[in-house]
Amino acid sequence: MDLKGKVVIVTGAGSGVGRALALAFGRQGARVVAVARRRERIQETTAAIEAEGGLALAIQADVTDLAQVDRMVSQSLEAFEQIDVVFNNAGSFAALGAVWEVDPDLWWNDVTVNLRGTMLCCRSVLPHMLKRDRGIVINMSGGNQIPGGTGYSCSKVGVIRFTELLAKELKHKGSSVLAFTMGPGFVRTEMTELQIRTREGQEWLPSSKAAVEQSKDRPPEDCARATMALIRVACSELSGGAFGPDTDFEDALRKAKEEGRTRR
């Protein structure tokens, strides 16, 4: 997909990977809808896009609230008349600790933001994409085997399987809409700072602090670059796949096409 003139929604666009994604889409010539709960943060993101000559719209919304998500999609369509890409990046990793010690409300909130939020955004935007028979959905994946972070891990396993099944549902309907997951690697963000600073984070995820101290954390722009590369080669053969900053997309495409020929 050539992103010039396309309309892209990025959730969690107020900081970190979400902001890097929004800026990257803007630099590709896309019209960007930046979504997050904190209005001042997404206004900073849209201002940065516009300072580089892009076009952007800030919409405050909580992705776990169906009415707010529906309103966000409606406002995007009112402003730009189409939606070509949605990147469900909004996420939460607040519950740190063993299952028998962790706050169950924090645990469930991680699942709610990461899995329910992704589902609601897909549910609201897909009727429009299906009607046009075009569009790309990208859902943010993440570490799915993290002791001490079971809420986050279980939700990300759910996001990966959800996306695989969503791709199959789209193919079952004969739709050209595509769905993928993208993982960012370890990026130092507001979310991962909790792992670095807290006692629970240092006990259960010492690798986070070590990565920062050893300068092994990834810049958020790595995920953004990988996303642009994925969109350039996005096709039905790859739909449902999970990708990341280290993916060789040309090789992935070649293998997917070879597998498709073998199955036939």
C-alpha atoms as a PDB file:
ATOM      1  CA  MET A   1       0.000   0.000   0.000  1.00  0.00           C
ATOM      2  CA  ASP A   2       1.199   3.477  -0.893  1.00  0.00           C
ATOM      3  CA  LEU A   3       0.367   5.575   2.167  1.00  0.00           C
ATOM      4  CA  LYS A   4       0.255   8.934   0.413  1.00  0.00           C
ATOM      5  CA  GLY A   5      -3.215  10.379   0.942  1.00  0.00           C
ATOM      6  CA  LYS A   6      -4.374   7.393   2.991  1.00  0.00           C
ATOM      7  CA  VAL A   7      -6.045   7.764   6.396  1.00  0.00           C
ATOM      8  CA  VAL A   8      -4.436   6.007   9.356  1.00  0.00           C
ATOM      9  CA  ILE A   9      -5.701   5.674  12.934  1.00  0.00           C
ATOM     10  CA  VAL A  10      -3.061   5.100  15.624  1.00  0.00           C
ATOM     11  CA  THR A  11      -4.256   4.401  19.157  1.00  0.00           C
ATOM     12  CA  GLY A  12      -2.010   5.144  22.108  1.00  0.00           C
ATOM     13  CA  ALA A  13      -0.467   7.866  19.938  1.00  0.00           C
ATOM     14  CA  GLY A  14       0.392  10.243  22.767  1.00  0.00           C
ATOM     15  CA  SER A  15       3.860   8.917  23.516  1.00  0.00           C
ATOM     16  CA  GLY A  16       6.410   6.166  22.950  1.00  0.00           C
ATOM     17  CA  VAL A  17       5.866   3.737  20.102  1.00  0.00           C
ATOM     18  CA  GLY A  18       2.459   5.195  19.283  1.00  0.00           C
ATOM     19  CA  ARG A  19       3.889   8.656  18.707  1.00  0.00           C
ATOM     20  CA  ALA A  20       6.741   7.242  16.619  1.00  0.00           C
ATOM     21  CA  LEU A  21       4.194   5.362  14.501  1.00  0.00           C
ATOM     22  CA  ALA A  22       2.013   8.436  14.028  1.00  0.00           C
ATOM     23  CA  LEU A  23       5.003  10.538  12.955  1.00  0.00           C
ATOM     24  CA  ALA A  24       6.202   7.838  10.554  1.00  0.00           C
ATOM     25  CA  PHE A  25       2.777   7.576   8.931  1.00  0.00           C
ATOM     26  CA  GLY A  26       2.679  11.343   8.577  1.00  0.00           C
ATOM     27  CA  ARG A  27       6.093  11.358   6.881  1.00  0.00           C
ATOM     28  CA  GLN A  28       4.759   8.828   4.377  1.00  0.00           C
ATOM     29  CA  GLY A  29       2.050  11.299   3.388  1.00  0.00           C
ATOM     30  CA  ALA A  30      -0.807   9.705   5.317  1.00  0.00           C
ATOM     31  CA  ARG A  31      -3.488  11.700   7.100  1.00  0.00           C
ATOM     32  CA  VAL A  32      -3.148  10.599  10.717  1.00  0.00           C
ATOM     33  CA  VAL A  33      -5.782  10.265  13.432  1.00  0.00           C
ATOM     34  CA  ALA A  34      -3.951  10.247  16.772  1.00  0.00           C
ATOM     35  CA  VAL A  35      -6.004   8.625  19.543  1.00  0.00           C
ATOM     36  CA  ALA A  36      -5.343   8.422  23.287  1.00  0.00           C
ATOM     37  CA  ARG A  37      -6.950   9.258  26.623  1.00  0.00           C
ATOM     38  CA  ARG A  38      -4.722  12.274  27.337  1.00  0.00           C
ATOM     39  CA  ARG A  39      -5.725  15.089  25.029  1.00  0.00           C
ATOM     40  CA  GLU A  40      -2.615  17.187  25.600  1.00  0.00           C
ATOM     41  CA  ARG A  41      -0.359  14.308  24.564  1.00  0.00           C
ATOM     42  CA  ILE A  42      -2.117  13.607  21.273  1.00  0.00           C
ATOM     43  CA  GLN A  43      -2.228  17.325  20.541  1.00  0.00           C
ATOM     44  CA  GLU A  44       1.559  17.315  20.906  1.00  0.00           C
ATOM     45  CA  THR A  45       1.700  14.412  18.442  1.00  0.00           C
ATOM     46  CA  THR A  46      -0.523  16.085  15.865  1.00  0.00           C
ATOM     47  CA  ALA A  47       1.393  19.358  16.241  1.00  0.00           C
ATOM     48  CA  ALA A  48       4.634  17.496  15.497  1.00  0.00           C
ATOM     49  CA  ILE A  49       3.106  15.930  12.381  1.00  0.00           C
ATOM     50  CA  GLU A  50       1.773  19.278  11.168  1.00  0.00           C
ATOM     51  CA  ALA A  51       5.140  20.947  11.840  1.00  0.00           C
ATOM     52  CA  GLU A  52       6.588  18.544   9.267  1.00  0.00           C
ATOM     53  CA  GLY A  53       3.919  19.471   6.731  1.00  0.00           C
ATOM     54  CA  GLY A  54       1.524  16.617   7.456  1.00  0.00           C
ATOM     55  CA  LEU A  55      -2.179  16.532   8.228  1.00  0.00           C
ATOM     56  CA  ALA A  56      -3.396  15.104  11.537  1.00  0.00           C
ATOM     57  CA  LEU A  57      -6.395  14.992  13.845  1.00  0.00           C
ATOM     58  CA  ALA A  58      -6.349  14.404  17.616  1.00  0.00           C
ATOM     59  CA  ILE A  59      -9.276  12.457  19.075  1.00  0.00           C
ATOM     60  CA  GLN A  60      -9.480  11.763  22.785  1.00  0.00           C
ATOM     61  CA  ALA A  61     -10.890   8.298  23.463  1.00  0.00           C
ATOM     62  CA  ASP A  62     -10.615   5.334  25.815  1.00  0.00           C
ATOM     63  CA  VAL A  63     -10.297   2.210  23.655  1.00  0.00           C
ATOM     64  CA  THR A  64     -11.998   0.068  26.304  1.00  0.00           C
ATOM     65  CA  ASP A  65     -15.247   2.053  26.002  1.00  0.00           C
ATOM     66  CA  LEU A  66     -17.428   0.966  23.076  1.00  0.00           C
ATOM     67  CA  ALA A  67     -19.283   4.280  22.781  1.00  0.00           C
ATOM     68  CA  GLN A  68     -16.025   6.249  22.743  1.00  0.00           C
ATOM     69  CA  VAL A  69     -14.499   3.928  20.144  1.00  0.00           C
ATOM     70  CA  ASP A  70     -17.563   4.181  17.897  1.00  0.00           C
ATOM     71  CA  ARG A  71     -17.464   7.965  18.246  1.00  0.00           C
ATOM     72  CA  MET A  72     -13.756   8.030  17.399  1.00  0.00           C
ATOM     73  CA  VAL A  73     -14.339   6.063  14.198  1.00  0.00           C
ATOM     74  CA  SER A  74     -17.312   8.267  13.254  1.00  0.00           C
ATOM     75  CA  GLN A  75     -15.281  11.431  13.828  1.00  0.00           C
ATOM     76  CA  SER A  76     -12.438  10.037  11.716  1.00  0.00           C
ATOM     77  CA  LEU A  77     -14.842   9.335   8.853  1.00  0.00           C
ATOM     78  CA  GLU A  78     -16.473  12.753   9.192  1.00  0.00           C
ATOM     79  CA  ALA A  79     -13.066  14.408   8.935  1.00  0.00           C
ATOM     80  CA  PHE A  80     -11.453  12.283   6.215  1.00  0.00           C
ATOM     81  CA  GLU A  81     -14.267  10.158   4.691  1.00  0.00           C
ATOM     82  CA  GLN A  82     -12.224   6.953   4.759  1.00  0.00           C
ATOM     83  CA  ILE A  83     -10.031   4.783   6.965  1.00  0.00           C
ATOM     84  CA  ASP A  84      -7.275   2.768   5.296  1.00  0.00           C
ATOM     85  CA  VAL A  85      -5.144   1.571   8.207  1.00  0.00           C
ATOM     86  CA  VAL A  86      -5.707   1.158  11.920  1.00  0.00           C
ATOM     87  CA  PHE A  87      -2.804   0.399  14.243  1.00  0.00           C
ATOM     88  CA  ASN A  88      -4.112  -0.781  17.613  1.00  0.00           C
ATOM     89  CA  ASN A  89      -1.149   0.234  19.730  1.00  0.00           C
ATOM     90  CA  ALA A  90      -2.815   1.355  22.997  1.00  0.00           C
ATOM     91  CA  GLY A  91      -1.627  -0.942  25.749  1.00  0.00           C
ATOM     92  CA  SER A  92      -1.228  -1.511  29.473  1.00  0.00           C
ATOM     93  CA  PHE A  93       1.278  -3.408  31.628  1.00  0.00           C
ATOM     94  CA  ALA A  94       0.482  -2.275  35.168  1.00  0.00           C
ATOM     95  CA  ALA A  95       0.098  -5.584  37.036  1.00  0.00           C
ATOM     96  CA  LEU A  96       3.528  -6.758  38.198  1.00  0.00           C
ATOM     97  CA  GLY A  97       3.879  -9.689  40.554  1.00  0.00           C
ATOM     98  CA  ALA A  98       2.967 -13.307  41.151  1.00  0.00           C
ATOM     99  CA  VAL A  99      -0.650 -14.297  40.542  1.00  0.00           C
ATOM    100  CA  TRP A 100      -1.295 -14.773  44.276  1.00  0.00           C
ATOM    101  CA  GLU A 101       0.137 -11.331  45.086  1.00  0.00           C
ATOM    102  CA  VAL A 102      -0.914  -9.071  42.237  1.00  0.00           C
ATOM    103  CA  ASP A 103      -3.877  -6.681  42.361  1.00  0.00           C
ATOM    104  CA  PRO A 104      -6.627  -8.476  40.406  1.00  0.00           C
ATOM    105  CA  ASP A 105      -8.121  -5.207  39.198  1.00  0.00           C
ATOM    106  CA  LEU A 106      -4.802  -4.104  37.715  1.00  0.00           C
ATOM    107  CA  TRP A 107      -4.404  -7.571  36.175  1.00  0.00           C
ATOM    108  CA  TRP A 108      -7.827  -7.417  34.546  1.00  0.00           C
ATOM    109  CA  ASN A 109      -7.243  -3.851  33.356  1.00  0.00           C
ATOM    110  CA  ASP A 110      -4.179  -5.032  31.420  1.00  0.00           C
ATOM    111  CA  VAL A 111      -6.315  -7.650  29.707  1.00  0.00           C
ATOM    112  CA  THR A 112      -9.109  -5.150  29.112  1.00  0.00           C
ATOM    113  CA  VAL A 113      -6.919  -2.494  27.477  1.00  0.00           C
ATOM    114  CA  ASN A 114      -4.801  -4.879  25.429  1.00  0.00           C
ATOM    115  CA  LEU A 115      -7.416  -7.380  24.268  1.00  0.00           C
ATOM    116  CA  ARG A 116     -10.840  -5.745  24.615  1.00  0.00           C
ATOM    117  CA  GLY A 117      -9.464  -2.434  23.337  1.00  0.00           C
ATOM    118  CA  THR A 118      -8.042  -4.129  20.253  1.00  0.00           C
ATOM    119  CA  MET A 119     -11.278  -6.010  19.606  1.00  0.00           C
ATOM    120  CA  LEU A 120     -13.468  -2.909  19.987  1.00  0.00           C
ATOM    121  CA  CYS A 121     -11.382  -0.845  17.590  1.00  0.00           C
ATOM    122  CA  CYS A 122     -11.435  -3.649  15.023  1.00  0.00           C
ATOM    123  CA  ARG A 123     -15.172  -4.122  15.495  1.00  0.00           C
ATOM    124  CA  SER A 124     -15.868  -0.442  14.879  1.00  0.00           C
ATOM    125  CA  VAL A 125     -13.599   0.145  11.905  1.00  0.00           C
ATOM    126  CA  LEU A 126     -14.069  -3.106   9.983  1.00  0.00           C
ATOM    127  CA  PRO A 127     -17.589  -2.482   8.624  1.00  0.00           C
ATOM    128  CA  HIS A 128     -16.203   0.555   6.792  1.00  0.00           C
ATOM    129  CA  MET A 129     -13.193  -1.382   5.482  1.00  0.00           C
ATOM    130  CA  LEU A 130     -15.373  -4.323   4.443  1.00  0.00           C
ATOM    131  CA  LYS A 131     -17.709  -2.021   2.538  1.00  0.00           C
ATOM    132  CA  ARG A 132     -14.753  -0.577   0.595  1.00  0.00           C
ATOM    133  CA  ASP A 133     -13.060  -4.022   0.396  1.00  0.00           C
ATOM    134  CA  ARG A 134      -9.720  -2.555   1.347  1.00  0.00           C
ATOM    135  CA  GLY A 135      -7.789  -1.791   4.495  1.00  0.00           C
ATOM    136  CA  ILE A 136      -5.105  -2.984   6.867  1.00  0.00           C
ATOM    137  CA  VAL A 137      -5.455  -3.747  10.582  1.00  0.00           C
ATOM    138  CA  ILE A 138      -2.276  -4.001  12.655  1.00  0.00           C
ATOM    139  CA  ASN A 139      -2.500  -5.094  16.283  1.00  0.00           C
ATOM    140  CA  MET A 140       0.380  -4.599  18.686  1.00  0.00           C
ATOM    141  CA  SER A 141       1.688  -7.855  20.110  1.00  0.00           C
ATOM    142  CA  GLY A 142       4.323  -8.211  22.835  1.00  0.00           C
ATOM    143  CA  GLY A 143       6.029 -10.596  25.225  1.00  0.00           C
ATOM    144  CA  ASN A 144       3.769 -13.557  25.874  1.00  0.00           C
ATOM    145  CA  GLN A 145       5.888 -15.586  28.317  1.00  0.00           C
ATOM    146  CA  ILE A 146       6.565 -13.222  31.205  1.00  0.00           C
ATOM    147  CA  PRO A 147       6.334 -14.637  34.734  1.00  0.00           C
ATOM    148  CA  GLY A 148       5.249 -11.789  36.962  1.00  0.00           C
ATOM    149  CA  GLY A 149       3.346 -10.242  34.080  1.00  0.00           C
ATOM    150  CA  THR A 150       0.609 -12.789  33.463  1.00  0.00           C
ATOM    151  CA  GLY A 151      -2.135 -10.264  32.729  1.00  0.00           C
ATOM    152  CA  TYR A 152      -0.076  -8.595  30.010  1.00  0.00           C
ATOM    153  CA  SER A 153       1.253 -11.896  28.646  1.00  0.00           C
ATOM    154  CA  CYS A 154      -2.132 -13.601  28.496  1.00  0.00           C
ATOM    155  CA  SER A 155      -3.660 -10.584  26.779  1.00  0.00           C
ATOM    156  CA  LYS A 156      -0.921 -10.541  24.142  1.00  0.00           C
ATOM    157  CA  VAL A 157      -1.349 -14.267  23.475  1.00  0.00           C
ATOM    158  CA  GLY A 158      -5.008 -13.385  22.988  1.00  0.00           C
ATOM    159  CA  VAL A 159      -4.170 -10.544  20.594  1.00  0.00           C
ATOM    160  CA  ILE A 160      -2.009 -12.825  18.449  1.00  0.00           C
ATOM    161  CA  ARG A 161      -4.660 -15.545  18.244  1.00  0.00           C
ATOM    162  CA  PHE A 162      -7.405 -12.949  17.757  1.00  0.00           C
ATOM    163  CA  THR A 163      -5.525 -11.526  14.780  1.00  0.00           C
ATOM    164  CA  GLU A 164      -4.902 -14.953  13.251  1.00  0.00           C
ATOM    165  CA  LEU A 165      -8.602 -15.755  13.489  1.00  0.00           C
ATOM    166  CA  LEU A 166      -9.631 -12.303  12.276  1.00  0.00           C
ATOM    167  CA  ALA A 167      -7.550 -12.848   9.139  1.00  0.00           C
ATOM    168  CA  LYS A 168      -9.305 -16.194   8.596  1.00  0.00           C
ATOM    169  CA  GLU A 169     -12.729 -14.584   9.087  1.00  0.00           C
ATOM    170  CA  LEU A 170     -11.879 -11.911   6.523  1.00  0.00           C
ATOM    171  CA  LYS A 171     -10.728 -14.534   4.029  1.00  0.00           C
ATOM    172  CA  HIS A 172     -13.870 -16.580   4.709  1.00  0.00           C
ATOM    173  CA  LYS A 173     -15.918 -13.544   3.663  1.00  0.00           C
ATOM    174  CA  GLY A 174     -13.834 -13.081   0.539  1.00  0.00           C
ATOM    175  CA  SER A 175     -12.568  -9.725   1.794  1.00  0.00           C
ATOM    176  CA  SER A 176      -9.350  -8.029   0.691  1.00  0.00           C
ATOM    177  CA  VAL A 177      -8.911  -6.466   4.160  1.00  0.00           C
ATOM    178  CA  LEU A 178      -5.709  -7.683   5.839  1.00  0.00           C
ATOM    179  CA  ALA A 179      -4.767  -8.201   9.503  1.00  0.00           C
ATOM    180  CA  PHE A 180      -1.332  -8.491  11.137  1.00  0.00           C
ATOM    181  CA  THR A 181       0.408  -8.290  14.495  1.00  0.00           C
ATOM    182  CA  MET A 182       3.541  -6.240  15.068  1.00  0.00           C
ATOM    183  CA  GLY A 183       5.852  -6.554  18.063  1.00  0.00           C
ATOM    184  CA  PRO A 184       8.078  -3.634  19.117  1.00  0.00           C
ATOM    185  CA  GLY A 185      10.803  -5.443  21.046  1.00  0.00           C
ATOM    186  CA  PHE A 186      11.821  -3.898  24.369  1.00  0.00           C
ATOM    187  CA  VAL A 187      11.343  -0.129  24.172  1.00  0.00           C
ATOM    188  CA  ARG A 188      11.824   2.265  27.074  1.00  0.00           C
ATOM    189  CA  THR A 189       8.423   3.905  27.498  1.00  0.00           C
ATOM    190  CA  GLU A 190       6.172   5.073  30.310  1.00  0.00           C
ATOM    191  CA  MET A 191       4.834   1.521  30.490  1.00  0.00           C
ATOM    192  CA  THR A 192       8.226  -0.176  30.788  1.00  0.00           C
ATOM    193  CA  GLU A 193       9.536   2.424  33.256  1.00  0.00           C
ATOM    194  CA  LEU A 194       7.369   0.643  35.841  1.00  0.00           C
ATOM    195  CA  GLN A 195       9.416  -2.487  35.299  1.00  0.00           C
ATOM    196  CA  ILE A 196      12.657  -0.571  35.772  1.00  0.00           C
ATOM    197  CA  ARG A 197      11.733   1.496  38.842  1.00  0.00           C
ATOM    198  CA  THR A 198       9.603  -0.751  41.039  1.00  0.00           C
ATOM    199  CA  ARG A 199      10.575  -3.540  43.393  1.00  0.00           C
ATOM    200  CA  GLU A 200       8.194  -5.928  41.611  1.00  0.00           C
ATOM    201  CA  GLY A 201       9.623  -5.038  38.232  1.00  0.00           C
ATOM    202  CA  GLN A 202      13.188  -5.530  39.394  1.00  0.00           C
ATOM    203  CA  GLU A 203      12.277  -8.922  40.867  1.00  0.00           C
ATOM    204  CA  TRP A 204      10.282 -10.297  37.957  1.00  0.00           C
ATOM    205  CA  LEU A 205      11.682  -8.445  34.940  1.00  0.00           C
ATOM    206  CA  PRO A 206      15.329  -7.647  35.781  1.00  0.00           C
ATOM    207  CA  SER A 207      16.080  -7.846  32.061  1.00  0.00           C
ATOM    208  CA  SER A 208      14.256  -4.538  31.553  1.00  0.00           C
ATOM    209  CA  LYS A 209      16.576  -2.607  33.837  1.00  0.00           C
ATOM    210  CA  ALA A 210      19.589  -4.474  32.457  1.00  0.00           C
ATOM    211  CA  ALA A 211      18.593  -3.644  28.881  1.00  0.00           C
ATOM    212  CA  VAL A 212      18.451   0.063  29.695  1.00  0.00           C
ATOM    213  CA  GLU A 213      21.712   0.040  31.640  1.00  0.00           C
ATOM    214  CA  GLN A 214      23.427  -1.774  28.757  1.00  0.00           C
ATOM    215  CA  SER A 215      21.758   0.430  26.113  1.00  0.00           C
ATOM    216  CA  LYS A 216      20.080  -2.590  24.573  1.00  0.00           C
ATOM    217  CA  ASP A 217      16.583  -1.130  24.548  1.00  0.00           C
ATOM    218  CA  ARG A 218      15.165  -0.397  21.112  1.00  0.00           C
ATOM    219  CA  PRO A 219      14.188   3.082  19.963  1.00  0.00           C
ATOM    220  CA  PRO A 220      10.458   3.299  19.191  1.00  0.00           C
ATOM    221  CA  GLU A 221      11.355   4.223  15.618  1.00  0.00           C
ATOM    222  CA  ASP A 222      12.427   0.589  15.002  1.00  0.00           C
ATOM    223  CA  CYS A 223       8.818  -0.546  15.256  1.00  0.00           C
ATOM    224  CA  ALA A 224       7.696   2.343  13.077  1.00  0.00           C
ATOM    225  CA  ARG A 225      10.210   1.463  10.349  1.00  0.00           C
ATOM    226  CA  ALA A 226       9.159  -2.193  10.441  1.00  0.00           C
ATOM    227  CA  THR A 227       5.519  -1.168  10.162  1.00  0.00           C
ATOM    228  CA  MET A 228       6.189   0.920   7.056  1.00  0.00           C
ATOM    229  CA  ALA A 229       8.045  -2.056   5.551  1.00  0.00           C
ATOM    230  CA  LEU A 230       5.145  -4.392   6.348  1.00  0.00           C
ATOM    231  CA  ILE A 231       2.622  -2.084   4.725  1.00  0.00           C
ATOM    232  CA  ARG A 232       4.719  -1.924   1.547  1.00  0.00           C
ATOM    233  CA  VAL A 233       4.511  -5.719   1.087  1.00  0.00           C
ATOM    234  CA  ALA A 234       1.136  -6.376   2.783  1.00  0.00           C
ATOM    235  CA  CYS A 235      -0.834  -9.022   0.901  1.00  0.00           C
ATOM    236  CA  SER A 236      -3.247 -11.900   1.499  1.00  0.00           C
ATOM    237  CA  GLU A 237      -0.412 -14.438   1.745  1.00  0.00           C
ATOM    238  CA  LEU A 238       0.964 -12.650   4.819  1.00  0.00           C
ATOM    239  CA  SER A 239      -2.379 -11.822   6.453  1.00  0.00           C
ATOM    240  CA  GLY A 240      -2.653 -13.182   9.984  1.00  0.00           C
ATOM    241  CA  GLY A 241       1.123 -13.164  10.422  1.00  0.00           C
ATOM    242  CA  ALA A 242       3.158 -11.856  13.348  1.00  0.00           C
ATOM    243  CA  PHE A 243       6.087  -9.565  12.622  1.00  0.00           C
ATOM    244  CA  GLY A 244       8.645  -7.400  14.395  1.00  0.00           C
ATOM    245  CA  PRO A 245      11.531  -4.965  13.948  1.00  0.00           C
ATOM    246  CA  ASP A 246      13.937  -7.709  12.843  1.00  0.00           C
ATOM    247  CA  THR A 247      11.655  -9.250  10.210  1.00  0.00           C
ATOM    248  CA  ASP A 248      13.053  -9.549   6.695  1.00  0.00           C
ATOM    249  CA  PHE A 249       9.806  -8.729   4.924  1.00  0.00           C
ATOM    250  CA  GLU A 250      10.968  -9.626   1.432  1.00  0.00           C
ATOM    251  CA  ASP A 251      12.026 -13.049   2.708  1.00  0.00           C
ATOM    252  CA  ALA A 252       8.765 -13.460   4.637  1.00  0.00           C
ATOM    253  CA  LEU A 253       6.810 -12.642   1.488  1.00  0.00           C
ATOM    254  CA  ARG A 254       8.830 -15.079  -0.609  1.00  0.00           C
ATOM    255  CA  LYS A 255       8.283 -17.907   1.882  1.00  0.00           C
ATOM    256  CA  ALA A 256       4.560 -17.158   2.205  1.00  0.00           C
ATOM    257  CA  LYS A 257       4.122 -17.305  -1.555  1.00  0.00           C
ATOM    258  CA  GLU A 258       6.069 -20.550  -1.771  1.00  0.00           C
ATOM    259  CA  GLU A 259       3.896 -22.082   0.956  1.00  0.00           C
ATOM    260  CA  GLY A 260       0.790 -20.920  -0.879  1.00  0.00           C
ATOM    261  CA  ARG A 261       1.924 -22.629  -4.094  1.00  0.00           C
ATOM    262  CA  THR A 262       2.721 -25.826  -2.142  1.00  0.00           C
ATOM    263  CA  ARG A 263      -0.759 -25.921  -0.534  1.00  0.00           C
ATOM    264  CA  ARG A 264      -2.420 -25.547  -3.921  1.00  0.00           C
END
